[in-house]
mmCIF file of all heavy atoms, coordinates in Angstrom:
data_MODEL
# 
_entry.id   MODEL 
# 
loop_
_atom_site.group_PDB 
_atom_site.id 
_atom_site.type_symbol 
_atom_site.label_atom_id 
_atom_site.label_alt_id 
_atom_site.label_comp_id 
_atom_site.label_asym_id 
_atom_site.label_entity_id 
_atom_site.label_seq_id 
_atom_site.pdbx_PDB_ins_code 
_atom_site.Cartn_x 
_atom_site.Cartn_y 
_atom_site.Cartn_z 
_atom_site.occupancy 
_atom_site.B_iso_or_equiv 
_atom_site.pdbx_formal_charge 
_atom_site.auth_seq_id 
_atom_site.auth_comp_id 
_atom_site.auth_asym_id 
_atom_site.auth_atom_id 
_atom_site.pdbx_PDB_model_num 
ATOM 1   N N   . SER A 1 1  ? 32.102 7.068  -34.690 1.00 0.00 ? 1  SER A N   1 
ATOM 2   C CA  . SER A 1 1  ? 30.663 7.401  -34.817 1.00 0.00 ? 1  SER A CA  1 
ATOM 3   C C   . SER A 1 1  ? 29.842 6.093  -34.757 1.00 0.00 ? 1  SER A C   1 
ATOM 4   O O   . SER A 1 1  ? 28.645 6.143  -34.327 1.00 0.00 ? 1  SER A O   1 
ATOM 5   C CB  . SER A 1 1  ? 30.406 8.100  -36.153 1.00 0.00 ? 1  SER A CB  1 
ATOM 6   O OG  . SER A 1 1  ? 30.676 7.228  -37.246 1.00 0.00 ? 1  SER A OG  1 
ATOM 7   N N   . ILE A 1 2  ? 30.462 4.978  -35.121 1.00 0.00 ? 2  ILE A N   1 
ATOM 8   C CA  . ILE A 1 2  ? 29.701 3.709  -35.072 1.00 0.00 ? 2  ILE A CA  1 
ATOM 9   C C   . ILE A 1 2  ? 29.654 3.244  -33.644 1.00 0.00 ? 2  ILE A C   1 
ATOM 10  O O   . ILE A 1 2  ? 28.603 2.754  -33.195 1.00 0.00 ? 2  ILE A O   1 
ATOM 11  C CB  . ILE A 1 2  ? 30.404 2.630  -35.937 1.00 0.00 ? 2  ILE A CB  1 
ATOM 12  C CG1 . ILE A 1 2  ? 30.288 3.100  -37.421 1.00 0.00 ? 2  ILE A CG1 1 
ATOM 13  C CG2 . ILE A 1 2  ? 29.777 1.317  -35.722 1.00 0.00 ? 2  ILE A CG2 1 
ATOM 14  C CD1 . ILE A 1 2  ? 31.141 2.286  -38.370 1.00 0.00 ? 2  ILE A CD1 1 
ATOM 15  N N   . HIS A 1 3  ? 30.702 3.296  -32.854 1.00 0.00 ? 3  HIS A N   1 
ATOM 16  C CA  . HIS A 1 3  ? 30.864 2.629  -31.582 1.00 0.00 ? 3  HIS A CA  1 
ATOM 17  C C   . HIS A 1 3  ? 30.538 3.607  -30.430 1.00 0.00 ? 3  HIS A C   1 
ATOM 18  O O   . HIS A 1 3  ? 30.042 3.150  -29.449 1.00 0.00 ? 3  HIS A O   1 
ATOM 19  C CB  . HIS A 1 3  ? 32.295 2.039  -31.393 1.00 0.00 ? 3  HIS A CB  1 
ATOM 20  C CG  . HIS A 1 3  ? 32.514 0.931  -32.261 1.00 0.00 ? 3  HIS A CG  1 
ATOM 21  N ND1 . HIS A 1 3  ? 32.025 -0.385 -32.116 1.00 0.00 ? 3  HIS A ND1 1 
ATOM 22  C CD2 . HIS A 1 3  ? 33.289 0.813  -33.436 1.00 0.00 ? 3  HIS A CD2 1 
ATOM 23  C CE1 . HIS A 1 3  ? 32.452 -1.165 -33.012 1.00 0.00 ? 3  HIS A CE1 1 
ATOM 24  N NE2 . HIS A 1 3  ? 33.225 -0.489 -33.909 1.00 0.00 ? 3  HIS A NE2 1 
ATOM 25  N N   . PHE A 1 4  ? 30.773 4.863  -30.555 1.00 0.00 ? 4  PHE A N   1 
ATOM 26  C CA  . PHE A 1 4  ? 30.729 5.735  -29.470 1.00 0.00 ? 4  PHE A CA  1 
ATOM 27  C C   . PHE A 1 4  ? 29.797 6.870  -29.654 1.00 0.00 ? 4  PHE A C   1 
ATOM 28  O O   . PHE A 1 4  ? 29.577 7.743  -28.782 1.00 0.00 ? 4  PHE A O   1 
ATOM 29  C CB  . PHE A 1 4  ? 32.072 6.285  -29.066 1.00 0.00 ? 4  PHE A CB  1 
ATOM 30  C CG  . PHE A 1 4  ? 33.117 5.211  -28.874 1.00 0.00 ? 4  PHE A CG  1 
ATOM 31  C CD1 . PHE A 1 4  ? 34.145 5.103  -29.840 1.00 0.00 ? 4  PHE A CD1 1 
ATOM 32  C CD2 . PHE A 1 4  ? 33.106 4.289  -27.841 1.00 0.00 ? 4  PHE A CD2 1 
ATOM 33  C CE1 . PHE A 1 4  ? 35.079 4.157  -29.719 1.00 0.00 ? 4  PHE A CE1 1 
ATOM 34  C CE2 . PHE A 1 4  ? 34.049 3.371  -27.729 1.00 0.00 ? 4  PHE A CE2 1 
ATOM 35  C CZ  . PHE A 1 4  ? 35.030 3.238  -28.584 1.00 0.00 ? 4  PHE A CZ  1 
ATOM 36  N N   . GLY A 1 5  ? 29.109 6.973  -30.830 1.00 0.00 ? 5  GLY A N   1 
ATOM 37  C CA  . GLY A 1 5  ? 28.300 8.113  -31.165 1.00 0.00 ? 5  GLY A CA  1 
ATOM 38  C C   . GLY A 1 5  ? 27.009 7.991  -30.454 1.00 0.00 ? 5  GLY A C   1 
ATOM 39  O O   . GLY A 1 5  ? 26.705 7.085  -29.687 1.00 0.00 ? 5  GLY A O   1 
ATOM 40  N N   . THR A 1 6  ? 26.078 8.935  -30.737 1.00 0.00 ? 6  THR A N   1 
ATOM 41  C CA  . THR A 1 6  ? 24.742 8.951  -30.186 1.00 0.00 ? 6  THR A CA  1 
ATOM 42  C C   . THR A 1 6  ? 23.959 7.763  -30.688 1.00 0.00 ? 6  THR A C   1 
ATOM 43  O O   . THR A 1 6  ? 23.866 7.421  -31.901 1.00 0.00 ? 6  THR A O   1 
ATOM 44  C CB  . THR A 1 6  ? 24.021 10.239 -30.678 1.00 0.00 ? 6  THR A CB  1 
ATOM 45  O OG1 . THR A 1 6  ? 24.750 11.348 -30.294 1.00 0.00 ? 6  THR A OG1 1 
ATOM 46  C CG2 . THR A 1 6  ? 22.616 10.338 -29.976 1.00 0.00 ? 6  THR A CG2 1 
ATOM 47  N N   . PRO A 1 7  ? 23.262 7.063  -29.728 1.00 0.00 ? 7  PRO A N   1 
ATOM 48  C CA  . PRO A 1 7  ? 22.516 5.824  -30.145 1.00 0.00 ? 7  PRO A CA  1 
ATOM 49  C C   . PRO A 1 7  ? 21.367 6.261  -31.089 1.00 0.00 ? 7  PRO A C   1 
ATOM 50  O O   . PRO A 1 7  ? 20.950 7.386  -31.071 1.00 0.00 ? 7  PRO A O   1 
ATOM 51  C CB  . PRO A 1 7  ? 21.900 5.347  -28.729 1.00 0.00 ? 7  PRO A CB  1 
ATOM 52  C CG  . PRO A 1 7  ? 22.727 5.987  -27.739 1.00 0.00 ? 7  PRO A CG  1 
ATOM 53  C CD  . PRO A 1 7  ? 23.231 7.300  -28.284 1.00 0.00 ? 7  PRO A CD  1 
ATOM 54  N N   . PRO A 1 8  ? 20.925 5.328  -31.893 1.00 0.00 ? 8  PRO A N   1 
ATOM 55  C CA  . PRO A 1 8  ? 19.818 5.602  -32.820 1.00 0.00 ? 8  PRO A CA  1 
ATOM 56  C C   . PRO A 1 8  ? 18.576 6.098  -32.079 1.00 0.00 ? 8  PRO A C   1 
ATOM 57  O O   . PRO A 1 8  ? 18.292 5.557  -31.021 1.00 0.00 ? 8  PRO A O   1 
ATOM 58  C CB  . PRO A 1 8  ? 19.530 4.269  -33.495 1.00 0.00 ? 8  PRO A CB  1 
ATOM 59  C CG  . PRO A 1 8  ? 20.718 3.344  -33.179 1.00 0.00 ? 8  PRO A CG  1 
ATOM 60  C CD  . PRO A 1 8  ? 21.393 3.943  -31.978 1.00 0.00 ? 8  PRO A CD  1 
ATOM 61  N N   . LYS A 1 9  ? 17.936 7.081  -32.608 1.00 0.00 ? 9  LYS A N   1 
ATOM 62  C CA  . LYS A 1 9  ? 16.709 7.634  -31.974 1.00 0.00 ? 9  LYS A CA  1 
ATOM 63  C C   . LYS A 1 9  ? 15.622 6.523  -32.024 1.00 0.00 ? 9  LYS A C   1 
ATOM 64  O O   . LYS A 1 9  ? 15.575 5.804  -32.958 1.00 0.00 ? 9  LYS A O   1 
ATOM 65  C CB  . LYS A 1 9  ? 16.260 8.898  -32.662 1.00 0.00 ? 9  LYS A CB  1 
ATOM 66  C CG  . LYS A 1 9  ? 17.245 10.023 -32.396 1.00 0.00 ? 9  LYS A CG  1 
ATOM 67  C CD  . LYS A 1 9  ? 16.710 11.292 -33.065 1.00 0.00 ? 9  LYS A CD  1 
ATOM 68  C CE  . LYS A 1 9  ? 17.539 12.556 -32.783 1.00 0.00 ? 9  LYS A CE  1 
ATOM 69  N NZ  . LYS A 1 9  ? 17.059 13.691 -33.416 1.00 0.00 ? 9  LYS A NZ  1 
ATOM 70  N N   . LYS A 1 10 ? 14.701 6.641  -31.035 1.00 0.00 ? 10 LYS A N   1 
ATOM 71  C CA  . LYS A 1 10 ? 13.560 5.743  -31.106 1.00 0.00 ? 10 LYS A CA  1 
ATOM 72  C C   . LYS A 1 10 ? 12.681 6.146  -32.226 1.00 0.00 ? 10 LYS A C   1 
ATOM 73  O O   . LYS A 1 10 ? 12.580 7.397  -32.559 1.00 0.00 ? 10 LYS A O   1 
ATOM 74  C CB  . LYS A 1 10 ? 12.761 5.978  -29.778 1.00 0.00 ? 10 LYS A CB  1 
ATOM 75  C CG  . LYS A 1 10 ? 13.056 4.946  -28.709 1.00 0.00 ? 10 LYS A CG  1 
ATOM 76  C CD  . LYS A 1 10 ? 12.018 5.155  -27.650 1.00 0.00 ? 10 LYS A CD  1 
ATOM 77  C CE  . LYS A 1 10 ? 12.138 3.997  -26.583 1.00 0.00 ? 10 LYS A CE  1 
ATOM 78  N NZ  . LYS A 1 10 ? 11.081 4.169  -25.556 1.00 0.00 ? 10 LYS A NZ  1 
ATOM 79  N N   . GLU A 1 11 ? 12.039 5.241  -32.897 1.00 0.00 ? 11 GLU A N   1 
ATOM 80  C CA  . GLU A 1 11 ? 11.094 5.543  -33.881 1.00 0.00 ? 11 GLU A CA  1 
ATOM 81  C C   . GLU A 1 11 ? 9.961  6.368  -33.251 1.00 0.00 ? 11 GLU A C   1 
ATOM 82  O O   . GLU A 1 11 ? 9.507  6.004  -32.185 1.00 0.00 ? 11 GLU A O   1 
ATOM 83  C CB  . GLU A 1 11 ? 10.606 4.283  -34.592 1.00 0.00 ? 11 GLU A CB  1 
ATOM 84  C CG  . GLU A 1 11 ? 11.715 3.542  -35.322 1.00 0.00 ? 11 GLU A CG  1 
ATOM 85  C CD  . GLU A 1 11 ? 11.049 2.193  -35.938 1.00 0.00 ? 11 GLU A CD  1 
ATOM 86  O OE1 . GLU A 1 11 ? 9.810  2.209  -36.186 1.00 0.00 ? 11 GLU A OE1 1 
ATOM 87  O OE2 . GLU A 1 11 ? 11.822 1.320  -36.239 1.00 0.00 ? 11 GLU A OE2 1 
ATOM 88  N N   . THR A 1 12 ? 9.549  7.403  -33.995 1.00 0.00 ? 12 THR A N   1 
ATOM 89  C CA  . THR A 1 12 ? 8.497  8.191  -33.406 1.00 0.00 ? 12 THR A CA  1 
ATOM 90  C C   . THR A 1 12 ? 7.166  7.460  -33.139 1.00 0.00 ? 12 THR A C   1 
ATOM 91  O O   . THR A 1 12 ? 6.382  7.933  -32.406 1.00 0.00 ? 12 THR A O   1 
ATOM 92  C CB  . THR A 1 12 ? 8.253  9.442  -34.350 1.00 0.00 ? 12 THR A CB  1 
ATOM 93  O OG1 . THR A 1 12 ? 7.966  8.936  -35.655 1.00 0.00 ? 12 THR A OG1 1 
ATOM 94  C CG2 . THR A 1 12 ? 9.482  10.305 -34.394 1.00 0.00 ? 12 THR A CG2 1 
ATOM 95  N N   . ASN A 1 13 ? 7.023  6.360  -33.914 1.00 0.00 ? 13 ASN A N   1 
ATOM 96  C CA  . ASN A 1 13 ? 5.726  5.679  -33.752 1.00 0.00 ? 13 ASN A CA  1 
ATOM 97  C C   . ASN A 1 13 ? 5.882  4.474  -32.802 1.00 0.00 ? 13 ASN A C   1 
ATOM 98  O O   . ASN A 1 13 ? 4.978  3.637  -32.653 1.00 0.00 ? 13 ASN A O   1 
ATOM 99  C CB  . ASN A 1 13 ? 5.246  5.215  -35.135 1.00 0.00 ? 13 ASN A CB  1 
ATOM 100 C CG  . ASN A 1 13 ? 6.158  4.208  -35.750 1.00 0.00 ? 13 ASN A CG  1 
ATOM 101 O OD1 . ASN A 1 13 ? 7.269  4.078  -35.391 1.00 0.00 ? 13 ASN A OD1 1 
ATOM 102 N ND2 . ASN A 1 13 ? 5.659  3.548  -36.779 1.00 0.00 ? 13 ASN A ND2 1 
ATOM 103 N N   . GLU A 1 14 ? 6.970  4.329  -32.057 1.00 0.00 ? 14 GLU A N   1 
ATOM 104 C CA  . GLU A 1 14 ? 7.155  3.266  -31.199 1.00 0.00 ? 14 GLU A CA  1 
ATOM 105 C C   . GLU A 1 14 ? 6.273  3.522  -29.951 1.00 0.00 ? 14 GLU A C   1 
ATOM 106 O O   . GLU A 1 14 ? 6.282  4.586  -29.352 1.00 0.00 ? 14 GLU A O   1 
ATOM 107 C CB  . GLU A 1 14 ? 8.626  3.167  -30.759 1.00 0.00 ? 14 GLU A CB  1 
ATOM 108 C CG  . GLU A 1 14 ? 8.950  1.881  -29.941 1.00 0.00 ? 14 GLU A CG  1 
ATOM 109 C CD  . GLU A 1 14 ? 10.450 1.719  -29.707 1.00 0.00 ? 14 GLU A CD  1 
ATOM 110 O OE1 . GLU A 1 14 ? 11.189 2.282  -30.580 1.00 0.00 ? 14 GLU A OE1 1 
ATOM 111 O OE2 . GLU A 1 14 ? 10.828 1.075  -28.764 1.00 0.00 ? 14 GLU A OE2 1 
ATOM 112 N N   . ILE A 1 15 ? 5.691  2.430  -29.492 1.00 0.00 ? 15 ILE A N   1 
ATOM 113 C CA  . ILE A 1 15 ? 4.679  2.605  -28.346 1.00 0.00 ? 15 ILE A CA  1 
ATOM 114 C C   . ILE A 1 15 ? 5.387  2.483  -27.064 1.00 0.00 ? 15 ILE A C   1 
ATOM 115 O O   . ILE A 1 15 ? 6.207  1.604  -26.774 1.00 0.00 ? 15 ILE A O   1 
ATOM 116 C CB  . ILE A 1 15 ? 3.635  1.436  -28.446 1.00 0.00 ? 15 ILE A CB  1 
ATOM 117 C CG1 . ILE A 1 15 ? 2.730  1.662  -29.679 1.00 0.00 ? 15 ILE A CG1 1 
ATOM 118 C CG2 . ILE A 1 15 ? 2.777  1.387  -27.201 1.00 0.00 ? 15 ILE A CG2 1 
ATOM 119 C CD1 . ILE A 1 15 ? 1.805  0.490  -29.912 1.00 0.00 ? 15 ILE A CD1 1 
ATOM 120 N N   . ASP A 1 16 ? 5.082  3.574  -26.131 1.00 0.00 ? 16 ASP A N   1 
ATOM 121 C CA  . ASP A 1 16 ? 5.578  3.486  -24.721 1.00 0.00 ? 16 ASP A CA  1 
ATOM 122 C C   . ASP A 1 16 ? 4.461  2.916  -23.911 1.00 0.00 ? 16 ASP A C   1 
ATOM 123 O O   . ASP A 1 16 ? 3.386  3.548  -23.875 1.00 0.00 ? 16 ASP A O   1 
ATOM 124 C CB  . ASP A 1 16 ? 5.981  4.912  -24.386 1.00 0.00 ? 16 ASP A CB  1 
ATOM 125 C CG  . ASP A 1 16 ? 6.476  4.924  -22.886 1.00 0.00 ? 16 ASP A CG  1 
ATOM 126 O OD1 . ASP A 1 16 ? 5.588  5.026  -21.959 1.00 0.00 ? 16 ASP A OD1 1 
ATOM 127 O OD2 . ASP A 1 16 ? 7.600  4.831  -22.702 1.00 0.00 ? 16 ASP A OD2 1 
ATOM 128 N N   . PRO A 1 17 ? 4.699  1.825  -23.233 1.00 0.00 ? 17 PRO A N   1 
ATOM 129 C CA  . PRO A 1 17 ? 3.540  1.208  -22.414 1.00 0.00 ? 17 PRO A CA  1 
ATOM 130 C C   . PRO A 1 17 ? 2.925  2.065  -21.402 1.00 0.00 ? 17 PRO A C   1 
ATOM 131 O O   . PRO A 1 17 ? 1.691  2.097  -21.289 1.00 0.00 ? 17 PRO A O   1 
ATOM 132 C CB  . PRO A 1 17 ? 4.259  -0.003 -21.817 1.00 0.00 ? 17 PRO A CB  1 
ATOM 133 C CG  . PRO A 1 17 ? 5.374  -0.344 -22.711 1.00 0.00 ? 17 PRO A CG  1 
ATOM 134 C CD  . PRO A 1 17 ? 5.865  0.972  -23.204 1.00 0.00 ? 17 PRO A CD  1 
ATOM 135 N N   . ALA A 1 18 ? 3.676  2.852  -20.725 1.00 0.00 ? 18 ALA A N   1 
ATOM 136 C CA  . ALA A 1 18 ? 3.201  3.729  -19.650 1.00 0.00 ? 18 ALA A CA  1 
ATOM 137 C C   . ALA A 1 18 ? 2.283  4.873  -20.352 1.00 0.00 ? 18 ALA A C   1 
ATOM 138 O O   . ALA A 1 18 ? 1.201  5.188  -19.755 1.00 0.00 ? 18 ALA A O   1 
ATOM 139 C CB  . ALA A 1 18 ? 4.265  4.424  -18.810 1.00 0.00 ? 18 ALA A CB  1 
ATOM 140 N N   . GLU A 1 19 ? 2.726  5.496  -21.365 1.00 0.00 ? 19 GLU A N   1 
ATOM 141 C CA  . GLU A 1 19 ? 1.973  6.502  -22.019 1.00 0.00 ? 19 GLU A CA  1 
ATOM 142 C C   . GLU A 1 19 ? 0.710  5.935  -22.611 1.00 0.00 ? 19 GLU A C   1 
ATOM 143 O O   . GLU A 1 19 ? -0.332 6.523  -22.579 1.00 0.00 ? 19 GLU A O   1 
ATOM 144 C CB  . GLU A 1 19 ? 2.840  7.180  -23.139 1.00 0.00 ? 19 GLU A CB  1 
ATOM 145 C CG  . GLU A 1 19 ? 3.989  8.029  -22.619 1.00 0.00 ? 19 GLU A CG  1 
ATOM 146 C CD  . GLU A 1 19 ? 4.800  8.593  -23.742 1.00 0.00 ? 19 GLU A CD  1 
ATOM 147 O OE1 . GLU A 1 19 ? 4.382  8.443  -24.904 1.00 0.00 ? 19 GLU A OE1 1 
ATOM 148 O OE2 . GLU A 1 19 ? 5.752  9.264  -23.430 1.00 0.00 ? 19 GLU A OE2 1 
ATOM 149 N N   . TYR A 1 20 ? 0.816  4.652  -23.219 1.00 0.00 ? 20 TYR A N   1 
ATOM 150 C CA  . TYR A 1 20 ? -0.316 3.999  -23.780 1.00 0.00 ? 20 TYR A CA  1 
ATOM 151 C C   . TYR A 1 20 ? -1.382 3.760  -22.738 1.00 0.00 ? 20 TYR A C   1 
ATOM 152 O O   . TYR A 1 20 ? -2.596 3.969  -22.898 1.00 0.00 ? 20 TYR A O   1 
ATOM 153 C CB  . TYR A 1 20 ? 0.152  2.729  -24.456 1.00 0.00 ? 20 TYR A CB  1 
ATOM 154 C CG  . TYR A 1 20 ? -0.860 2.180  -25.441 1.00 0.00 ? 20 TYR A CG  1 
ATOM 155 C CD1 . TYR A 1 20 ? -0.642 2.372  -26.811 1.00 0.00 ? 20 TYR A CD1 1 
ATOM 156 C CD2 . TYR A 1 20 ? -2.021 1.539  -25.050 1.00 0.00 ? 20 TYR A CD2 1 
ATOM 157 C CE1 . TYR A 1 20 ? -1.555 1.849  -27.765 1.00 0.00 ? 20 TYR A CE1 1 
ATOM 158 C CE2 . TYR A 1 20 ? -2.957 1.030  -25.981 1.00 0.00 ? 20 TYR A CE2 1 
ATOM 159 C CZ  . TYR A 1 20 ? -2.649 1.191  -27.330 1.00 0.00 ? 20 TYR A CZ  1 
ATOM 160 O OH  . TYR A 1 20 ? -3.579 0.709  -28.286 1.00 0.00 ? 20 TYR A OH  1 
ATOM 161 N N   . ALA A 1 21 ? -0.887 3.300  -21.499 1.00 0.00 ? 21 ALA A N   1 
ATOM 162 C CA  . ALA A 1 21 ? -1.863 2.989  -20.453 1.00 0.00 ? 21 ALA A CA  1 
ATOM 163 C C   . ALA A 1 21 ? -2.614 4.291  -19.939 1.00 0.00 ? 21 ALA A C   1 
ATOM 164 O O   . ALA A 1 21 ? -3.811 4.271  -19.597 1.00 0.00 ? 21 ALA A O   1 
ATOM 165 C CB  . ALA A 1 21 ? -1.082 2.440  -19.298 1.00 0.00 ? 21 ALA A CB  1 
ATOM 166 N N   . GLU A 1 22 ? -1.894 5.452  -19.959 1.00 0.00 ? 22 GLU A N   1 
ATOM 167 C CA  . GLU A 1 22 ? -2.524 6.705  -19.585 1.00 0.00 ? 22 GLU A CA  1 
ATOM 168 C C   . GLU A 1 22 ? -3.587 7.128  -20.581 1.00 0.00 ? 22 GLU A C   1 
ATOM 169 O O   . GLU A 1 22 ? -4.679 7.530  -20.222 1.00 0.00 ? 22 GLU A O   1 
ATOM 170 C CB  . GLU A 1 22 ? -1.428 7.799  -19.512 1.00 0.00 ? 22 GLU A CB  1 
ATOM 171 C CG  . GLU A 1 22 ? -0.565 7.712  -18.320 1.00 0.00 ? 22 GLU A CG  1 
ATOM 172 C CD  . GLU A 1 22 ? -1.208 8.004  -17.032 1.00 0.00 ? 22 GLU A CD  1 
ATOM 173 O OE1 . GLU A 1 22 ? -2.262 8.536  -16.981 1.00 0.00 ? 22 GLU A OE1 1 
ATOM 174 O OE2 . GLU A 1 22 ? -0.591 7.569  -15.976 1.00 0.00 ? 22 GLU A OE2 1 
ATOM 175 N N   . GLU A 1 23 ? -3.265 6.958  -21.864 1.00 0.00 ? 23 GLU A N   1 
ATOM 176 C CA  . GLU A 1 23 ? -4.231 7.264  -22.867 1.00 0.00 ? 23 GLU A CA  1 
ATOM 177 C C   . GLU A 1 23 ? -5.498 6.300  -22.831 1.00 0.00 ? 23 GLU A C   1 
ATOM 178 O O   . GLU A 1 23 ? -6.563 6.720  -23.022 1.00 0.00 ? 23 GLU A O   1 
ATOM 179 C CB  . GLU A 1 23 ? -3.553 7.113  -24.278 1.00 0.00 ? 23 GLU A CB  1 
ATOM 180 C CG  . GLU A 1 23 ? -2.532 8.235  -24.494 1.00 0.00 ? 23 GLU A CG  1 
ATOM 181 C CD  . GLU A 1 23 ? -1.738 7.985  -25.845 1.00 0.00 ? 23 GLU A CD  1 
ATOM 182 O OE1 . GLU A 1 23 ? -2.109 7.043  -26.473 1.00 0.00 ? 23 GLU A OE1 1 
ATOM 183 O OE2 . GLU A 1 23 ? -0.785 8.755  -26.076 1.00 0.00 ? 23 GLU A OE2 1 
ATOM 184 N N   . PHE A 1 24 ? -5.117 5.038  -22.612 1.00 0.00 ? 24 PHE A N   1 
ATOM 185 C CA  . PHE A 1 24 ? -6.219 4.045  -22.415 1.00 0.00 ? 24 PHE A CA  1 
ATOM 186 C C   . PHE A 1 24 ? -7.183 4.499  -21.248 1.00 0.00 ? 24 PHE A C   1 
ATOM 187 O O   . PHE A 1 24 ? -8.416 4.479  -21.425 1.00 0.00 ? 24 PHE A O   1 
ATOM 188 C CB  . PHE A 1 24 ? -5.634 2.696  -22.117 1.00 0.00 ? 24 PHE A CB  1 
ATOM 189 C CG  . PHE A 1 24 ? -6.527 1.590  -21.746 1.00 0.00 ? 24 PHE A CG  1 
ATOM 190 C CD1 . PHE A 1 24 ? -6.985 0.739  -22.710 1.00 0.00 ? 24 PHE A CD1 1 
ATOM 191 C CD2 . PHE A 1 24 ? -7.061 1.444  -20.481 1.00 0.00 ? 24 PHE A CD2 1 
ATOM 192 C CE1 . PHE A 1 24 ? -7.867 -0.337 -22.428 1.00 0.00 ? 24 PHE A CE1 1 
ATOM 193 C CE2 . PHE A 1 24 ? -7.946 0.457  -20.181 1.00 0.00 ? 24 PHE A CE2 1 
ATOM 194 C CZ  . PHE A 1 24 ? -8.328 -0.472 -21.168 1.00 0.00 ? 24 PHE A CZ  1 
# 
């Protein structure tokens, strides 16, 4: 589970540059 499991999920408040640019 440590080495091969599902990677940690992105924090829900993490900024996506492309999405941010669209909103801008």
